[in-house]
Amino acid sequence: MTWSAYSSYLVLTILVVIAPGPDTVVTLKNAFAGGLRGGMTATFGIAVGNLVQGTLVALGLGTLIVQSQPVFTTIRWAGVVYLCYLGIQALRSAWRGDYAAMDAQGADVGAFRRWREGFISNVTNPKVLALYLSVLPQFLDPVTSTPLHALLLAYTVAVLGALWLVLLLLFVHRVRGWLQRRRVRRGLDVATGGTLIGFGVSLAAGG
């Protein structure tokens, strides 16, 4: 792999990771409820999910998953259900609107739960797997490339994706005072919940 090819891959990866998707919305959902720490924990879960999916593709297992219709369908519908579940949670928060009580409860939410939300929402999204499968081969020479080259490309996505989410979280943290206003918070919860359910419906329809 040449530096020129890798540079082109970096540009493409940056464009992909900054495009809003389920990872972004799940991160923001946890940041609104759990502050900077909650968002960072969810981001870590998303990064691990990206690493898992990237590793599967780099080692040739991703193709087997996609080709196995029962496995791929199970993963896809698990993702649909989970995204809709997270969306309903956000809409319930907007409906209740008692953010003082919810913030007190949110402080007691364990880090593992926030990590789990990030990890499951990513690892059950087969579109991430499909992205790796469609993009990586374009930058790998089938004759000279090794699994290490494929892992490098896959892990680049995970690292850049995590860095982008961290930058987003730092911005959210700076304007947290404004975001804590009840009216703003309810609007954000409605938008977050509706978007997550929309992603779930899109995932269901796109299968």
N, C-alpha and C. Protein backbone atom coordinates (compact mmCIF):
# COMPACT_ATOMS: atom_id res chain seq x y z
N MET A 1 0.85 -1.19 0.00
CA MET A 1 0.00 0.00 0.00
C MET A 1 0.88 1.25 0.00
N THR A 2 0.58 2.19 -0.89
CA THR A 2 1.38 3.42 -0.99
C THR A 2 0.77 4.50 -0.10
N TRP A 3 1.59 5.51 0.20
CA TRP A 3 1.09 6.64 0.98
C TRP A 3 0.01 7.39 0.21
N SER A 4 0.14 7.42 -1.11
CA SER A 4 -0.86 8.10 -1.93
C SER A 4 -2.22 7.41 -1.79
N ALA A 5 -2.21 6.09 -1.85
CA ALA A 5 -3.47 5.35 -1.70
C ALA A 5 -4.04 5.53 -0.30
N TYR A 6 -3.17 5.50 0.71
CA TYR A 6 -3.64 5.66 2.08
C TYR A 6 -4.19 7.06 2.32
N SER A 7 -3.57 8.07 1.72
CA SER A 7 -4.05 9.44 1.85
C SER A 7 -5.45 9.58 1.25
N SER A 8 -5.66 8.96 0.10
CA SER A 8 -6.98 8.99 -0.52
C SER A 8 -8.00 8.29 0.38
N TYR A 9 -7.57 7.20 1.00
CA TYR A 9 -8.45 6.48 1.91
C TYR A 9 -8.80 7.34 3.13
N LEU A 10 -7.82 8.10 3.62
CA LEU A 10 -8.07 8.98 4.77
C LEU A 10 -9.14 10.02 4.44
N VAL A 11 -9.04 10.61 3.26
CA VAL A 11 -10.02 11.62 2.86
C VAL A 11 -11.42 11.01 2.82
N LEU A 12 -11.53 9.84 2.21
CA LEU A 12 -12.82 9.17 2.13
C LEU A 12 -13.35 8.82 3.51
N THR A 13 -12.47 8.34 4.37
CA THR A 13 -12.87 7.95 5.72
C THR A 13 -13.39 9.14 6.52
N ILE A 14 -12.71 10.28 6.40
CA ILE A 14 -13.13 11.48 7.11
C ILE A 14 -14.54 11.89 6.67
N LEU A 15 -14.78 11.83 5.37
CA LEU A 15 -16.11 12.18 4.86
C LEU A 15 -17.17 11.22 5.40
N VAL A 16 -16.80 9.97 5.53
CA VAL A 16 -17.76 8.96 6.02
C VAL A 16 -18.07 9.18 7.49
N VAL A 17 -17.03 9.39 8.31
CA VAL A 17 -17.24 9.44 9.76
C VAL A 17 -17.94 10.72 10.21
N ILE A 18 -17.81 11.82 9.45
CA ILE A 18 -18.47 13.06 9.87
C ILE A 18 -19.94 13.10 9.41
N ALA A 19 -20.33 12.16 8.55
CA ALA A 19 -21.74 12.11 8.14
C ALA A 19 -22.58 11.62 9.32
N PRO A 20 -23.63 12.35 9.69
CA PRO A 20 -24.46 11.94 10.84
C PRO A 20 -25.06 10.56 10.63
N GLY A 21 -25.00 9.74 11.65
CA GLY A 21 -25.56 8.39 11.60
C GLY A 21 -25.94 7.94 12.99
N PRO A 22 -26.32 6.69 13.15
CA PRO A 22 -26.70 6.19 14.48
C PRO A 22 -25.63 6.40 15.55
N ASP A 23 -24.35 6.24 15.18
CA ASP A 23 -23.28 6.43 16.17
C ASP A 23 -23.33 7.84 16.74
N THR A 24 -23.50 8.82 15.87
CA THR A 24 -23.55 10.21 16.32
C THR A 24 -24.72 10.45 17.27
N VAL A 25 -25.88 9.94 16.89
CA VAL A 25 -27.08 10.19 17.69
C VAL A 25 -27.03 9.47 19.03
N VAL A 26 -26.52 8.24 19.04
CA VAL A 26 -26.40 7.51 20.31
C VAL A 26 -25.41 8.22 21.24
N THR A 27 -24.33 8.73 20.68
CA THR A 27 -23.36 9.47 21.48
C THR A 27 -24.00 10.71 22.09
N LEU A 28 -24.73 11.48 21.29
CA LEU A 28 -25.38 12.69 21.78
C LEU A 28 -26.44 12.35 22.83
N LYS A 29 -27.19 11.28 22.61
CA LYS A 29 -28.20 10.87 23.58
C LYS A 29 -27.58 10.64 24.95
N ASN A 30 -26.45 9.97 24.97
CA ASN A 30 -25.78 9.70 26.25
C ASN A 30 -25.12 10.95 26.82
N ALA A 31 -24.69 11.85 25.95
CA ALA A 31 -24.10 13.10 26.42
C ALA A 31 -25.15 14.00 27.06
N PHE A 32 -26.34 14.05 26.46
CA PHE A 32 -27.42 14.86 27.03
C PHE A 32 -27.83 14.34 28.40
N ALA A 33 -27.84 13.03 28.56
CA ALA A 33 -28.30 12.43 29.81
C ALA A 33 -27.19 12.28 30.84
N GLY A 34 -25.96 12.01 30.37
CA GLY A 34 -24.87 11.70 31.30
C GLY A 34 -23.68 12.62 31.24
N GLY A 35 -23.82 13.74 30.51
CA GLY A 35 -22.72 14.68 30.44
C GLY A 35 -21.56 14.17 29.60
N LEU A 36 -20.44 14.85 29.74
CA LEU A 36 -19.26 14.50 28.95
C LEU A 36 -18.81 13.06 29.20
N ARG A 37 -18.85 12.65 30.45
CA ARG A 37 -18.42 11.28 30.77
C ARG A 37 -19.34 10.25 30.13
N GLY A 38 -20.65 10.50 30.18
CA GLY A 38 -21.60 9.57 29.57
C GLY A 38 -21.38 9.46 28.07
N GLY A 39 -21.16 10.59 27.41
CA GLY A 39 -20.89 10.57 25.98
C GLY A 39 -19.60 9.87 25.63
N MET A 40 -18.56 10.11 26.44
CA MET A 40 -17.27 9.47 26.19
C MET A 40 -17.38 7.95 26.35
N THR A 41 -18.14 7.52 27.35
CA THR A 41 -18.29 6.09 27.57
C THR A 41 -19.01 5.42 26.40
N ALA A 42 -20.06 6.08 25.90
CA ALA A 42 -20.76 5.54 24.73
C ALA A 42 -19.85 5.53 23.51
N THR A 43 -19.04 6.56 23.37
CA THR A 43 -18.09 6.63 22.25
C THR A 43 -17.10 5.47 22.29
N PHE A 44 -16.65 5.12 23.48
CA PHE A 44 -15.74 4.00 23.63
C PHE A 44 -16.41 2.70 23.20
N GLY A 45 -17.68 2.54 23.57
CA GLY A 45 -18.41 1.35 23.14
C GLY A 45 -18.55 1.29 21.63
N ILE A 46 -18.82 2.44 21.00
CA ILE A 46 -18.93 2.50 19.55
C ILE A 46 -17.60 2.16 18.89
N ALA A 47 -16.51 2.68 19.45
CA ALA A 47 -15.19 2.39 18.90
C ALA A 47 -14.87 0.90 18.96
N VAL A 48 -15.23 0.26 20.07
CA VAL A 48 -14.99 -1.19 20.18
C VAL A 48 -15.83 -1.94 19.15
N GLY A 49 -17.09 -1.50 18.96
CA GLY A 49 -17.93 -2.11 17.94
C GLY A 49 -17.32 -1.98 16.55
N ASN A 50 -16.78 -0.79 16.25
CA ASN A 50 -16.12 -0.58 14.96
C ASN A 50 -14.90 -1.49 14.81
N LEU A 51 -14.14 -1.64 15.88
CA LEU A 51 -12.96 -2.50 15.83
C LEU A 51 -13.36 -3.95 15.58
N VAL A 52 -14.44 -4.39 16.23
CA VAL A 52 -14.91 -5.77 16.04
C VAL A 52 -15.32 -5.99 14.59
N GLN A 53 -16.15 -5.07 14.05
CA GLN A 53 -16.62 -5.25 12.68
C GLN A 53 -15.46 -5.13 11.68
N GLY A 54 -14.56 -4.19 11.92
CA GLY A 54 -13.41 -4.04 11.04
C GLY A 54 -12.51 -5.26 11.05
N THR A 55 -12.31 -5.84 12.22
CA THR A 55 -11.48 -7.04 12.33
C THR A 55 -12.10 -8.21 11.58
N LEU A 56 -13.42 -8.37 11.71
CA LEU A 56 -14.11 -9.45 11.00
C LEU A 56 -13.91 -9.33 9.50
N VAL A 57 -14.04 -8.11 8.98
CA VAL A 57 -13.88 -7.90 7.54
C VAL A 57 -12.44 -8.13 7.12
N ALA A 58 -11.49 -7.59 7.89
CA ALA A 58 -10.07 -7.71 7.54
C ALA A 58 -9.61 -9.17 7.51
N LEU A 59 -10.19 -9.99 8.36
CA LEU A 59 -9.80 -11.40 8.44
C LEU A 59 -10.66 -12.30 7.55
N GLY A 60 -11.54 -11.68 6.77
CA GLY A 60 -12.35 -12.45 5.83
C GLY A 60 -13.63 -13.02 6.38
N LEU A 61 -13.94 -12.74 7.65
CA LEU A 61 -15.15 -13.31 8.26
C LEU A 61 -16.38 -12.47 7.94
N GLY A 62 -16.17 -11.20 7.62
CA GLY A 62 -17.30 -10.34 7.31
C GLY A 62 -18.07 -10.82 6.10
N THR A 63 -17.35 -11.31 5.10
CA THR A 63 -18.00 -11.81 3.90
C THR A 63 -18.88 -13.02 4.22
N LEU A 64 -18.39 -13.89 5.11
CA LEU A 64 -19.17 -15.06 5.50
C LEU A 64 -20.47 -14.65 6.20
N ILE A 65 -20.40 -13.59 7.02
CA ILE A 65 -21.59 -13.13 7.73
C ILE A 65 -22.62 -12.59 6.74
N VAL A 66 -22.16 -11.78 5.80
CA VAL A 66 -23.07 -11.20 4.81
C VAL A 66 -23.69 -12.28 3.93
N GLN A 67 -22.89 -13.29 3.59
CA GLN A 67 -23.39 -14.34 2.71
C GLN A 67 -24.32 -15.31 3.43
N SER A 68 -24.23 -15.35 4.76
CA SER A 68 -25.13 -16.22 5.53
C SER A 68 -26.41 -15.43 5.84
N GLN A 69 -27.43 -15.65 5.05
CA GLN A 69 -28.65 -14.86 5.16
C GLN A 69 -29.28 -14.90 6.56
N PRO A 70 -29.39 -16.08 7.21
CA PRO A 70 -29.98 -16.10 8.55
C PRO A 70 -29.20 -15.25 9.55
N VAL A 71 -27.86 -15.34 9.51
CA VAL A 71 -27.04 -14.56 10.45
C VAL A 71 -27.17 -13.07 10.18
N PHE A 72 -27.05 -12.69 8.89
CA PHE A 72 -27.12 -11.29 8.53
C PHE A 72 -28.49 -10.70 8.87
N THR A 73 -29.54 -11.45 8.61
CA THR A 73 -30.89 -10.97 8.91
C THR A 73 -31.10 -10.82 10.41
N THR A 74 -30.56 -11.76 11.19
CA THR A 74 -30.68 -11.67 12.65
C THR A 74 -29.99 -10.42 13.18
N ILE A 75 -28.78 -10.15 12.69
CA ILE A 75 -28.05 -8.97 13.11
C ILE A 75 -28.82 -7.70 12.73
N ARG A 76 -29.34 -7.68 11.50
CA ARG A 76 -30.05 -6.50 11.02
C ARG A 76 -31.28 -6.21 11.88
N TRP A 77 -32.08 -7.23 12.17
CA TRP A 77 -33.30 -7.00 12.94
C TRP A 77 -32.99 -6.70 14.41
N ALA A 78 -31.90 -7.24 14.91
CA ALA A 78 -31.47 -6.86 16.26
C ALA A 78 -31.13 -5.38 16.30
N GLY A 79 -30.47 -4.90 15.25
CA GLY A 79 -30.16 -3.47 15.15
C GLY A 79 -31.41 -2.62 15.04
N VAL A 80 -32.38 -3.08 14.26
CA VAL A 80 -33.65 -2.34 14.11
C VAL A 80 -34.34 -2.19 15.47
N VAL A 81 -34.46 -3.30 16.17
CA VAL A 81 -35.15 -3.29 17.47
C VAL A 81 -34.41 -2.40 18.46
N TYR A 82 -33.08 -2.50 18.48
CA TYR A 82 -32.33 -1.75 19.49
C TYR A 82 -32.37 -0.24 19.22
N LEU A 83 -32.24 0.15 17.96
CA LEU A 83 -32.31 1.58 17.63
C LEU A 83 -33.69 2.14 17.98
N CYS A 84 -34.75 1.39 17.68
CA CYS A 84 -36.10 1.84 18.02
C CYS A 84 -36.29 1.91 19.53
N TYR A 85 -35.70 0.96 20.25
CA TYR A 85 -35.78 0.97 21.72
C TYR A 85 -35.12 2.22 22.28
N LEU A 86 -33.93 2.57 21.78
CA LEU A 86 -33.24 3.77 22.25
C LEU A 86 -34.03 5.02 21.87
N GLY A 87 -34.64 5.01 20.69
CA GLY A 87 -35.45 6.15 20.28
C GLY A 87 -36.65 6.35 21.17
N ILE A 88 -37.32 5.27 21.53
CA ILE A 88 -38.48 5.35 22.42
C ILE A 88 -38.06 5.86 23.80
N GLN A 89 -36.89 5.44 24.26
CA GLN A 89 -36.37 5.96 25.53
C GLN A 89 -36.25 7.48 25.50
N ALA A 90 -35.68 8.00 24.41
CA ALA A 90 -35.51 9.45 24.30
C ALA A 90 -36.86 10.17 24.23
N LEU A 91 -37.81 9.60 23.50
CA LEU A 91 -39.14 10.21 23.41
C LEU A 91 -39.86 10.18 24.76
N ARG A 92 -39.66 9.12 25.52
CA ARG A 92 -40.25 9.06 26.86
C ARG A 92 -39.67 10.14 27.76
N SER A 93 -38.37 10.39 27.62
CA SER A 93 -37.75 11.46 28.41
C SER A 93 -38.36 12.81 28.07
N ALA A 94 -38.59 13.04 26.76
CA ALA A 94 -39.21 14.30 26.33
C ALA A 94 -40.63 14.40 26.86
N TRP A 95 -41.37 13.30 26.86
CA TRP A 95 -42.74 13.30 27.34
C TRP A 95 -42.82 13.60 28.83
N ARG A 96 -41.91 12.98 29.59
CA ARG A 96 -41.90 13.20 31.04
C ARG A 96 -41.46 14.63 31.36
N GLY A 97 -40.36 15.05 30.77
CA GLY A 97 -39.90 16.42 30.92
C GLY A 97 -39.37 16.78 32.29
N ASP A 98 -39.29 15.83 33.21
CA ASP A 98 -38.79 16.10 34.57
C ASP A 98 -37.29 15.85 34.59
N TYR A 99 -36.56 16.81 34.04
CA TYR A 99 -35.13 16.58 33.83
C TYR A 99 -34.31 16.63 35.12
N ALA A 100 -34.79 17.34 36.12
CA ALA A 100 -34.06 17.36 37.39
C ALA A 100 -34.02 15.95 37.99
N ALA A 101 -35.19 15.29 37.99
CA ALA A 101 -35.25 13.92 38.52
C ALA A 101 -34.48 12.96 37.62
N MET A 102 -34.63 13.13 36.30
CA MET A 102 -33.96 12.22 35.37
C MET A 102 -32.44 12.38 35.44
N ASP A 103 -31.96 13.61 35.64
CA ASP A 103 -30.52 13.81 35.76
C ASP A 103 -29.98 13.16 37.02
N ALA A 104 -30.79 13.20 38.09
CA ALA A 104 -30.38 12.54 39.33
C ALA A 104 -30.30 11.03 39.11
N GLN A 105 -31.28 10.48 38.37
CA GLN A 105 -31.25 9.06 38.06
C GLN A 105 -30.09 8.75 37.11
N GLY A 106 -29.87 9.66 36.15
CA GLY A 106 -28.82 9.44 35.15
C GLY A 106 -27.44 9.38 35.77
N ALA A 107 -27.27 10.13 36.88
CA ALA A 107 -25.97 10.10 37.55
C ALA A 107 -25.67 8.72 38.12
N ASP A 108 -26.74 7.96 38.39
CA ASP A 108 -26.57 6.62 38.95
C ASP A 108 -26.42 5.54 37.89
N VAL A 109 -26.64 5.92 36.61
CA VAL A 109 -26.51 4.94 35.53
C VAL A 109 -25.04 4.52 35.39
N GLY A 110 -24.80 3.23 35.41
CA GLY A 110 -23.44 2.72 35.36
C GLY A 110 -22.77 2.97 34.02
N ALA A 111 -21.45 3.06 34.06
CA ALA A 111 -20.70 3.29 32.83
C ALA A 111 -20.89 2.14 31.84
N PHE A 112 -21.07 0.93 32.37
CA PHE A 112 -21.22 -0.21 31.47
C PHE A 112 -22.48 -0.09 30.63
N ARG A 113 -23.54 0.45 31.21
CA ARG A 113 -24.79 0.60 30.46
C ARG A 113 -24.60 1.57 29.29
N ARG A 114 -23.90 2.65 29.51
CA ARG A 114 -23.66 3.62 28.43
C ARG A 114 -22.71 3.02 27.39
N TRP A 115 -21.70 2.30 27.86
CA TRP A 115 -20.79 1.62 26.93
C TRP A 115 -21.56 0.60 26.10
N ARG A 116 -22.45 -0.11 26.76
CA ARG A 116 -23.23 -1.14 26.08
C ARG A 116 -24.13 -0.54 25.00
N GLU A 117 -24.73 0.62 25.28
CA GLU A 117 -25.58 1.26 24.28
C GLU A 117 -24.77 1.58 23.02
N GLY A 118 -23.56 2.12 23.21
CA GLY A 118 -22.72 2.43 22.06
C GLY A 118 -22.28 1.19 21.32
N PHE A 119 -21.87 0.19 22.05
CA PHE A 119 -21.36 -1.04 21.43
C PHE A 119 -22.45 -1.77 20.67
N ILE A 120 -23.59 -1.99 21.31
CA ILE A 120 -24.65 -2.78 20.67
C ILE A 120 -25.22 -2.05 19.46
N SER A 121 -25.41 -0.74 19.59
CA SER A 121 -25.98 0.00 18.46
C SER A 121 -25.07 -0.05 17.25
N ASN A 122 -23.76 -0.13 17.47
CA ASN A 122 -22.81 -0.20 16.35
C ASN A 122 -22.68 -1.62 15.81
N VAL A 123 -22.50 -2.58 16.70
CA VAL A 123 -22.19 -3.93 16.25
C VAL A 123 -23.40 -4.62 15.63
N THR A 124 -24.61 -4.11 15.91
CA THR A 124 -25.81 -4.69 15.29
C THR A 124 -26.24 -3.90 14.05
N ASN A 125 -25.38 -3.00 13.60
CA ASN A 125 -25.69 -2.23 12.39
C ASN A 125 -24.92 -2.84 11.22
N PRO A 126 -25.56 -3.67 10.41
CA PRO A 126 -24.84 -4.35 9.32
C PRO A 126 -24.38 -3.39 8.23
N LYS A 127 -24.90 -2.15 8.25
CA LYS A 127 -24.44 -1.18 7.26
C LYS A 127 -22.97 -0.83 7.49
N VAL A 128 -22.52 -0.91 8.74
CA VAL A 128 -21.10 -0.69 9.02
C VAL A 128 -20.27 -1.80 8.39
N LEU A 129 -20.74 -3.04 8.55
CA LEU A 129 -20.05 -4.19 7.96
C LEU A 129 -20.03 -4.06 6.43
N ALA A 130 -21.17 -3.68 5.87
CA ALA A 130 -21.24 -3.53 4.41
C ALA A 130 -20.32 -2.42 3.92
N LEU A 131 -20.17 -1.36 4.72
CA LEU A 131 -19.28 -0.27 4.34
C LEU A 131 -17.83 -0.76 4.26
N TYR A 132 -17.41 -1.49 5.28
CA TYR A 132 -16.06 -2.05 5.26
C TYR A 132 -15.86 -2.94 4.03
N LEU A 133 -16.84 -3.78 3.76
CA LEU A 133 -16.72 -4.73 2.65
C LEU A 133 -16.68 -4.05 1.30
N SER A 134 -17.33 -2.90 1.18
CA SER A 134 -17.37 -2.22 -0.11
C SER A 134 -16.18 -1.29 -0.32
N VAL A 135 -15.66 -0.72 0.77
CA VAL A 135 -14.60 0.28 0.64
C VAL A 135 -13.20 -0.33 0.70
N LEU A 136 -12.95 -1.22 1.66
CA LEU A 136 -11.60 -1.74 1.84
C LEU A 136 -11.00 -2.38 0.59
N PRO A 137 -11.75 -3.22 -0.15
CA PRO A 137 -11.15 -3.85 -1.33
C PRO A 137 -10.67 -2.86 -2.39
N GLN A 138 -11.24 -1.66 -2.41
CA GLN A 138 -10.84 -0.66 -3.40
C GLN A 138 -9.44 -0.13 -3.14
N PHE A 139 -8.95 -0.29 -1.92
CA PHE A 139 -7.64 0.24 -1.56
C PHE A 139 -6.64 -0.86 -1.24
N LEU A 140 -7.00 -2.09 -1.52
CA LEU A 140 -6.10 -3.22 -1.25
C LEU A 140 -5.77 -3.93 -2.56
N ASP A 141 -4.49 -4.19 -2.74
CA ASP A 141 -4.04 -4.96 -3.90
C ASP A 141 -4.24 -6.44 -3.59
N PRO A 142 -5.05 -7.14 -4.36
CA PRO A 142 -5.33 -8.55 -4.05
C PRO A 142 -4.09 -9.43 -4.12
N VAL A 143 -3.02 -8.95 -4.77
CA VAL A 143 -1.80 -9.74 -4.92
C VAL A 143 -0.82 -9.48 -3.78
N THR A 144 -0.61 -8.21 -3.45
CA THR A 144 0.45 -7.86 -2.49
C THR A 144 -0.06 -7.53 -1.09
N SER A 145 -1.33 -7.24 -0.95
CA SER A 145 -1.85 -6.83 0.36
C SER A 145 -1.94 -8.02 1.31
N THR A 146 -1.76 -7.73 2.58
CA THR A 146 -1.83 -8.74 3.64
C THR A 146 -2.96 -8.38 4.60
N PRO A 147 -3.33 -9.31 5.50
CA PRO A 147 -4.35 -8.97 6.51
C PRO A 147 -3.97 -7.76 7.35
N LEU A 148 -2.67 -7.52 7.55
CA LEU A 148 -2.24 -6.35 8.32
C LEU A 148 -2.64 -5.06 7.61
N HIS A 149 -2.53 -5.03 6.29
CA HIS A 149 -2.96 -3.86 5.53
C HIS A 149 -4.46 -3.64 5.72
N ALA A 150 -5.22 -4.71 5.65
CA ALA A 150 -6.67 -4.60 5.82
C ALA A 150 -7.02 -4.13 7.24
N LEU A 151 -6.30 -4.63 8.24
CA LEU A 151 -6.53 -4.20 9.61
C LEU A 151 -6.20 -2.72 9.78
N LEU A 152 -5.13 -2.26 9.13
CA LEU A 152 -4.75 -0.85 9.21
C LEU A 152 -5.89 0.02 8.69
N LEU A 153 -6.45 -0.34 7.54
CA LEU A 153 -7.54 0.43 6.97
C LEU A 153 -8.78 0.39 7.87
N ALA A 154 -9.10 -0.80 8.38
CA ALA A 154 -10.28 -0.94 9.22
C ALA A 154 -10.14 -0.15 10.52
N TYR A 155 -8.98 -0.24 11.15
CA TYR A 155 -8.78 0.45 12.42
C TYR A 155 -8.69 1.97 12.23
N THR A 156 -8.31 2.40 11.04
CA THR A 156 -8.31 3.83 10.75
C THR A 156 -9.71 4.40 10.87
N VAL A 157 -10.69 3.65 10.39
CA VAL A 157 -12.09 4.08 10.50
C VAL A 157 -12.49 4.21 11.97
N ALA A 158 -12.14 3.22 12.77
CA ALA A 158 -12.51 3.23 14.19
C ALA A 158 -11.87 4.41 14.92
N VAL A 159 -10.59 4.66 14.65
CA VAL A 159 -9.88 5.74 15.33
C VAL A 159 -10.41 7.11 14.92
N LEU A 160 -10.55 7.33 13.62
CA LEU A 160 -11.05 8.63 13.15
C LEU A 160 -12.50 8.84 13.59
N GLY A 161 -13.29 7.78 13.58
CA GLY A 161 -14.67 7.90 14.03
C GLY A 161 -14.74 8.31 15.49
N ALA A 162 -13.90 7.70 16.32
CA ALA A 162 -13.87 8.04 17.75
C ALA A 162 -13.40 9.48 17.96
N LEU A 163 -12.38 9.90 17.21
CA LEU A 163 -11.87 11.27 17.35
C LEU A 163 -12.95 12.29 16.98
N TRP A 164 -13.69 12.00 15.92
CA TRP A 164 -14.75 12.92 15.51
C TRP A 164 -15.83 13.02 16.59
N LEU A 165 -16.21 11.89 17.18
CA LEU A 165 -17.23 11.92 18.23
C LEU A 165 -16.73 12.66 19.47
N VAL A 166 -15.45 12.52 19.79
CA VAL A 166 -14.87 13.24 20.93
C VAL A 166 -14.93 14.75 20.69
N LEU A 167 -14.57 15.19 19.48
CA LEU A 167 -14.65 16.62 19.15
C LEU A 167 -16.10 17.12 19.28
N LEU A 168 -17.03 16.31 18.82
CA LEU A 168 -18.44 16.68 18.93
C LEU A 168 -18.86 16.79 20.39
N LEU A 169 -18.39 15.86 21.21
CA LEU A 169 -18.72 15.89 22.63
C LEU A 169 -18.14 17.12 23.32
N LEU A 170 -16.93 17.50 22.96
CA LEU A 170 -16.32 18.69 23.57
C LEU A 170 -17.11 19.94 23.22
N PHE A 171 -17.62 20.00 22.00
CA PHE A 171 -18.46 21.14 21.61
C PHE A 171 -19.76 21.14 22.43
N VAL A 172 -20.38 19.97 22.55
CA VAL A 172 -21.63 19.87 23.32
C VAL A 172 -21.39 20.27 24.77
N HIS A 173 -20.24 19.89 25.30
CA HIS A 173 -19.92 20.21 26.69
C HIS A 173 -19.79 21.73 26.88
N ARG A 174 -19.26 22.41 25.89
CA ARG A 174 -19.07 23.87 25.99
C ARG A 174 -20.41 24.60 26.01
N VAL A 175 -21.40 24.05 25.34
CA VAL A 175 -22.71 24.72 25.30
C VAL A 175 -23.72 23.99 26.19
N ARG A 176 -23.21 23.24 27.14
CA ARG A 176 -24.09 22.42 27.98
C ARG A 176 -25.09 23.27 28.77
N GLY A 177 -24.66 24.46 29.18
CA GLY A 177 -25.57 25.32 29.94
C GLY A 177 -26.82 25.65 29.15
N TRP A 178 -26.65 25.95 27.88
CA TRP A 178 -27.80 26.25 27.03
C TRP A 178 -28.63 24.98 26.78
N LEU A 179 -27.94 23.86 26.60
CA LEU A 179 -28.63 22.61 26.32
C LEU A 179 -29.45 22.12 27.51
N GLN A 180 -29.09 22.57 28.72
CA GLN A 180 -29.79 22.12 29.92
C GLN A 180 -31.14 22.81 30.10
N ARG A 181 -31.42 23.84 29.30
CA ARG A 181 -32.74 24.47 29.41
C ARG A 181 -33.82 23.46 29.06
N ARG A 182 -34.89 23.45 29.86
CA ARG A 182 -35.90 22.41 29.72
C ARG A 182 -36.48 22.36 28.31
N ARG A 183 -36.80 23.52 27.76
CA ARG A 183 -37.41 23.55 26.44
C ARG A 183 -36.46 23.01 25.37
N VAL A 184 -35.20 23.42 25.48
CA VAL A 184 -34.19 22.94 24.52
C VAL A 184 -33.99 21.44 24.68
N ARG A 185 -33.90 21.00 25.91
CA ARG A 185 -33.65 19.58 26.19
C ARG A 185 -34.78 18.71 25.64
N ARG A 186 -36.01 19.16 25.82
CA ARG A 186 -37.14 18.39 25.30
C ARG A 186 -37.09 18.32 23.77
N GLY A 187 -36.77 19.44 23.16
CA GLY A 187 -36.66 19.45 21.70
C GLY A 187 -35.57 18.52 21.21
N LEU A 188 -34.44 18.49 21.92
CA LEU A 188 -33.34 17.60 21.55
C LEU A 188 -33.73 16.14 21.73
N ASP A 189 -34.45 15.85 22.80
CA ASP A 189 -34.88 14.46 23.03
C ASP A 189 -35.86 14.00 21.95
N VAL A 190 -36.77 14.90 21.56
CA VAL A 190 -37.71 14.56 20.48
C VAL A 190 -36.95 14.30 19.19
N ALA A 191 -36.00 15.20 18.88
CA ALA A 191 -35.21 15.04 17.66
C ALA A 191 -34.38 13.77 17.70
N THR A 192 -33.74 13.51 18.85
CA THR A 192 -32.91 12.32 19.00
C THR A 192 -33.75 11.05 18.87
N GLY A 193 -34.87 11.01 19.59
CA GLY A 193 -35.72 9.83 19.54
C GLY A 193 -36.27 9.58 18.16
N GLY A 194 -36.76 10.63 17.52
CA GLY A 194 -37.30 10.47 16.17
C GLY A 194 -36.25 10.02 15.17
N THR A 195 -35.03 10.56 15.33
CA THR A 195 -33.95 10.19 14.41
C THR A 195 -33.54 8.74 14.59
N LEU A 196 -33.44 8.29 15.84
CA LEU A 196 -33.06 6.89 16.09
C LEU A 196 -34.11 5.93 15.54
N ILE A 197 -35.38 6.26 15.75
CA ILE A 197 -36.44 5.41 15.20
C ILE A 197 -36.39 5.44 13.67
N GLY A 198 -36.10 6.61 13.11
CA GLY A 198 -35.95 6.73 11.66
C GLY A 198 -34.83 5.87 11.13
N PHE A 199 -33.70 5.85 11.84
CA PHE A 199 -32.59 4.99 11.43
C PHE A 199 -33.00 3.52 11.51
N GLY A 200 -33.76 3.19 12.55
CA GLY A 200 -34.23 1.81 12.69
C GLY A 200 -35.14 1.41 11.55
N VAL A 201 -36.07 2.28 11.19
CA VAL A 201 -36.97 2.00 10.08
C VAL A 201 -36.20 1.88 8.76
N SER A 202 -35.21 2.78 8.59
CA SER A 202 -34.39 2.73 7.37
C SER A 202 -33.61 1.42 7.29
N LEU A 203 -33.09 0.98 8.43
CA LEU A 203 -32.35 -0.27 8.46
C LEU A 203 -33.28 -1.45 8.13
N ALA A 204 -34.51 -1.40 8.64
CA ALA A 204 -35.46 -2.47 8.34
C ALA A 204 -35.84 -2.49 6.87
N ALA A 205 -36.05 -1.30 6.31
CA ALA A 205 -36.47 -1.21 4.90
C ALA A 205 -35.33 -1.51 3.94
N GLY A 206 -34.11 -1.27 4.41
CA GLY A 206 -32.96 -1.43 3.52
C GLY A 206 -32.44 -2.83 3.44
N GLY A 207 -33.04 -3.75 4.19
CA GLY A 207 -32.54 -5.12 4.19
C GLY A 207 -32.99 -5.86 2.97
